[in-house]
C-alpha atoms as a PDB file:
ATOM      1  CA  MET A   1      11.599  14.614  13.885  1.00  0.00           C
ATOM      2  CA  ARG A   2      11.194  15.029  10.134  1.00  0.00           C
ATOM      3  CA  GLU A   3       8.282  13.270   8.518  1.00  0.00           C
ATOM      4  CA  LEU A   4       8.754  10.947   5.542  1.00  0.00           C
ATOM      5  CA  ALA A   5       6.298  13.153   3.665  1.00  0.00           C
ATOM      6  CA  ASP A   6       8.690  16.113   3.966  1.00  0.00           C
ATOM      7  CA  ASP A   7      11.464  14.083   2.371  1.00  0.00           C
ATOM      8  CA  LEU A   8       9.242  12.843  -0.441  1.00  0.00           C
ATOM      9  CA  MET A   9       7.955  16.290  -1.299  1.00  0.00           C
ATOM     10  CA  LEU A  10      11.528  17.507  -1.946  1.00  0.00           C
ATOM     11  CA  SER A  11      11.691  15.697  -5.279  1.00  0.00           C
ATOM     12  CA  SER A  12       9.338  17.449  -7.697  1.00  0.00           C
ATOM     13  CA  ASP A  13       9.520  15.400 -10.891  1.00  0.00           C
ATOM     14  CA  THR A  14      10.171  11.865  -9.687  1.00  0.00           C
ATOM     15  CA  GLN A  15       7.506   9.192  -9.287  1.00  0.00           C
ATOM     16  CA  ILE A  16       7.853   7.459  -5.932  1.00  0.00           C
ATOM     17  CA  ILE A  17       6.535   4.112  -4.690  1.00  0.00           C
ATOM     18  CA  VAL A  18       6.278   3.604  -0.934  1.00  0.00           C
ATOM     19  CA  ASP A  19       5.651   0.040   0.298  1.00  0.00           C
ATOM     20  CA  THR A  20       4.415  -0.204   3.870  1.00  0.00           C
ATOM     21  CA  VAL A  21       3.964  -3.516   5.666  1.00  0.00           C
ATOM     22  CA  GLY A  22       4.774  -2.877   9.324  1.00  0.00           C
ATOM     23  CA  SER A  23       1.554  -1.623  10.895  1.00  0.00           C
ATOM     24  CA  PHE A  24      -1.339  -4.034  11.237  1.00  0.00           C
ATOM     25  CA  ARG A  25      -3.607  -2.472  13.861  1.00  0.00           C
ATOM     26  CA  GLU A  26      -5.868   0.550  13.669  1.00  0.00           C
ATOM     27  CA  THR A  27      -3.734   2.280  16.312  1.00  0.00           C
ATOM     28  CA  MET A  28      -0.439   1.668  14.464  1.00  0.00           C
ATOM     29  CA  ARG A  29       0.790   3.751  11.557  1.00  0.00           C
ATOM     30  CA  GLU A  30       3.854   4.254   9.386  1.00  0.00           C
ATOM     31  CA  LEU A  31       2.902   7.355   7.402  1.00  0.00           C
ATOM     32  CA  ALA A  32       1.651  10.824   8.308  1.00  0.00           C
ATOM     33  CA  ASP A  33      -1.726  12.246   7.303  1.00  0.00           C
ATOM     34  CA  ASP A  34      -0.182  14.892   5.031  1.00  0.00           C
ATOM     35  CA  LEU A  35       1.301  12.178   2.824  1.00  0.00           C
ATOM     36  CA  MET A  36      -1.800   9.953   2.939  1.00  0.00           C
ATOM     37  CA  LEU A  37      -4.092  12.852   1.986  1.00  0.00           C
ATOM     38  CA  SER A  38      -1.850  14.600  -0.541  1.00  0.00           C
ATOM     39  CA  SER A  39      -3.373  15.220  -3.970  1.00  0.00           C
ATOM     40  CA  ASP A  40      -0.133  13.729  -5.372  1.00  0.00           C
ATOM     41  CA  THR A  41      -0.766  10.384  -3.636  1.00  0.00           C
ATOM     42  CA  GLN A  42      -2.647   7.285  -4.732  1.00  0.00           C
ATOM     43  CA  ILE A  43      -3.131   4.356  -2.363  1.00  0.00           C
ATOM     44  CA  ILE A  44      -3.199   0.687  -3.345  1.00  0.00           C
ATOM     45  CA  VAL A  45      -3.811  -2.108  -0.823  1.00  0.00           C
ATOM     46  CA  ASP A  46      -3.727  -5.892  -0.791  1.00  0.00           C
ATOM     47  CA  SER A  47      -7.285  -6.001   0.614  1.00  0.00           C
ATOM     48  CA  LYS A  48      -9.656  -3.048   1.067  1.00  0.00           C
ATOM     49  CA  GLU A  49     -11.618  -4.905   3.730  1.00  0.00           C
ATOM     50  CA  SER A  50      -8.497  -5.718   5.753  1.00  0.00           C
ATOM     51  CA  ALA A  51      -6.973  -2.268   5.269  1.00  0.00           C
ATOM     52  CA  MET A  52     -10.122  -0.576   6.573  1.00  0.00           C
ATOM     53  CA  LYS A  53      -9.919  -2.719   9.724  1.00  0.00           C
ATOM     54  CA  GLU A  54      -6.159  -2.909  10.314  1.00  0.00           C
ATOM     55  CA  ALA A  55      -4.201  -0.128   8.568  1.00  0.00           C
ATOM     56  CA  GLY A  56      -3.887   2.701  11.080  1.00  0.00           C
ATOM     57  CA  GLU A  57      -2.641   5.266   8.588  1.00  0.00           C
ATOM     58  CA  ILE A  58      -5.668   4.669   6.334  1.00  0.00           C
ATOM     59  CA  ILE A  59      -8.206   4.480   9.163  1.00  0.00           C
ATOM     60  CA  GLN A  60      -6.904   7.504  11.064  1.00  0.00           C
ATOM     61  CA  SER A  61      -6.378   9.741   8.028  1.00  0.00           C
ATOM     62  CA  LYS A  62      -9.590   8.580   6.282  1.00  0.00           C
ATOM     63  CA  ALA A  63      -7.549   8.397   3.077  1.00  0.00           C
ATOM     64  CA  LYS A  64      -9.231   7.118  -0.074  1.00  0.00           C
ATOM     65  CA  ILE A  65      -8.058   3.741  -1.385  1.00  0.00           C
ATOM     66  CA  MET A  66      -7.648   3.800  -5.161  1.00  0.00           C
ATOM     67  CA  ALA A  67      -7.551   0.040  -5.744  1.00  0.00           C
ATOM     68  CA  GLU A  68      -6.668  -3.421  -4.531  1.00  0.00           C
ATOM     69  CA  LEU A  69      -3.551  -4.994  -6.012  1.00  0.00           C
ATOM     70  CA  GLY A  70      -5.648  -7.781  -7.550  1.00  0.00           C
ATOM     71  CA  GLU A  71      -7.797  -5.219  -9.382  1.00  0.00           C
ATOM     72  CA  LEU A  72      -4.694  -3.798 -11.022  1.00  0.00           C
ATOM     73  CA  ILE A  73      -3.361  -7.192 -12.023  1.00  0.00           C
ATOM     74  CA  HIS A  74      -6.643  -8.341 -13.591  1.00  0.00           C
ATOM     75  CA  ASN A  75      -7.752  -5.116 -15.279  1.00  0.00           C
ATOM     76  CA  ASP A  76      -5.501  -3.880 -18.092  1.00  0.00           C
ATOM     77  CA  LYS A  77      -7.339  -0.584 -18.568  1.00  0.00           C
ATOM     78  CA  PHE A  78      -7.099   0.213 -14.886  1.00  0.00           C
ATOM     79  CA  SER A  79      -3.448  -0.885 -14.754  1.00  0.00           C
ATOM     80  CA  ASN A  80      -2.538   1.537 -17.532  1.00  0.00           C
ATOM     81  CA  ASP A  81      -3.957   4.405 -15.494  1.00  0.00           C
ATOM     82  CA  ILE A  82      -1.786   3.585 -12.502  1.00  0.00           C
ATOM     83  CA  CYS A  83       1.246   5.656 -11.551  1.00  0.00           C
ATOM     84  CA  ASN A  84      -0.224   8.859 -12.936  1.00  0.00           C
ATOM     85  CA  GLU A  85       0.253  10.387  -9.525  1.00  0.00           C
ATOM     86  CA  LYS A  86       3.611  11.418  -8.120  1.00  0.00           C
ATOM     87  CA  ILE A  87       3.440   9.104  -5.095  1.00  0.00           C
ATOM     88  CA  THR A  88       2.014   5.583  -5.020  1.00  0.00           C
ATOM     89  CA  ILE A  89       1.601   3.982  -1.608  1.00  0.00           C
ATOM     90  CA  PHE A  90       1.155   0.216  -1.411  1.00  0.00           C
ATOM     91  CA  LYS A  91      -0.164  -0.819   1.990  1.00  0.00           C
ATOM     92  CA  SER A  92      -0.115  -4.511   2.858  1.00  0.00           C
ATOM     93  CA  VAL A  93      -1.623  -5.756   6.092  1.00  0.00           C
ATOM     94  CA  GLY A  94      -1.238  -9.364   5.017  1.00  0.00           C
ATOM     95  CA  ILE A  95      -3.987 -11.678   3.867  1.00  0.00           C
ATOM     96  CA  ALA A  96      -4.305 -15.431   4.240  1.00  0.00           C
ATOM     97  CA  VAL A  97      -3.765 -16.182   0.550  1.00  0.00           C
ATOM     98  CA  GLU A  98      -0.309 -14.557   0.776  1.00  0.00           C
ATOM     99  CA  ASP A  99       0.575 -16.843   3.691  1.00  0.00           C
ATOM    100  CA  LEU A 100      -0.751 -19.854   1.788  1.00  0.00           C
ATOM    101  CA  ALA A 101       1.291 -18.995  -1.315  1.00  0.00           C
ATOM    102  CA  ALA A 102       4.455 -18.656   0.782  1.00  0.00           C
ATOM    103  CA  ALA A 103       3.758 -21.988   2.506  1.00  0.00           C
ATOM    104  CA  ILE A 104       3.270 -23.751  -0.846  1.00  0.00           C
ATOM    105  CA  VAL A 105       6.555 -22.394  -2.214  1.00  0.00           C
ATOM    106  CA  LEU A 106       8.390 -23.395   0.973  1.00  0.00           C
ATOM    107  CA  TYR A 107       6.841 -26.877   0.981  1.00  0.00           C
ATOM    108  CA  GLN A 108       7.707 -27.453  -2.685  1.00  0.00           C
ATOM    109  CA  SER A 109      11.295 -26.328  -2.152  1.00  0.00           C
ATOM    110  CA  LEU A 110      11.684 -28.672   0.837  1.00  0.00           C
ATOM    111  CA  LYS A 111      10.357 -31.650  -1.162  1.00  0.00           C
ATOM    112  CA  LYS A 112      13.178 -31.346  -3.710  1.00  0.00           C
END
């Protein structure tokens, strides 16, 4: 079986964003260590605390998390430095505020 990392490394001058949301336990993973640990890769998560408890590919590979999504949104200087690497991985394990926001939108749409 070919790894996703092999496919991504084929394109030398394209910036790539990989969104992963499927694994939510330390024993589950969606990406291989070679991609997680590549010098071309930067990792952004919804919550560092949650990712370090639930994201198997981060826990198992011991990959370094660059930032939380909220840090990028609220820090212009930091946001401008983003996407300097070839591959950006966004790992979401889901946090309660995301569920709350979805529930509010659903509730408001049902009230209309």
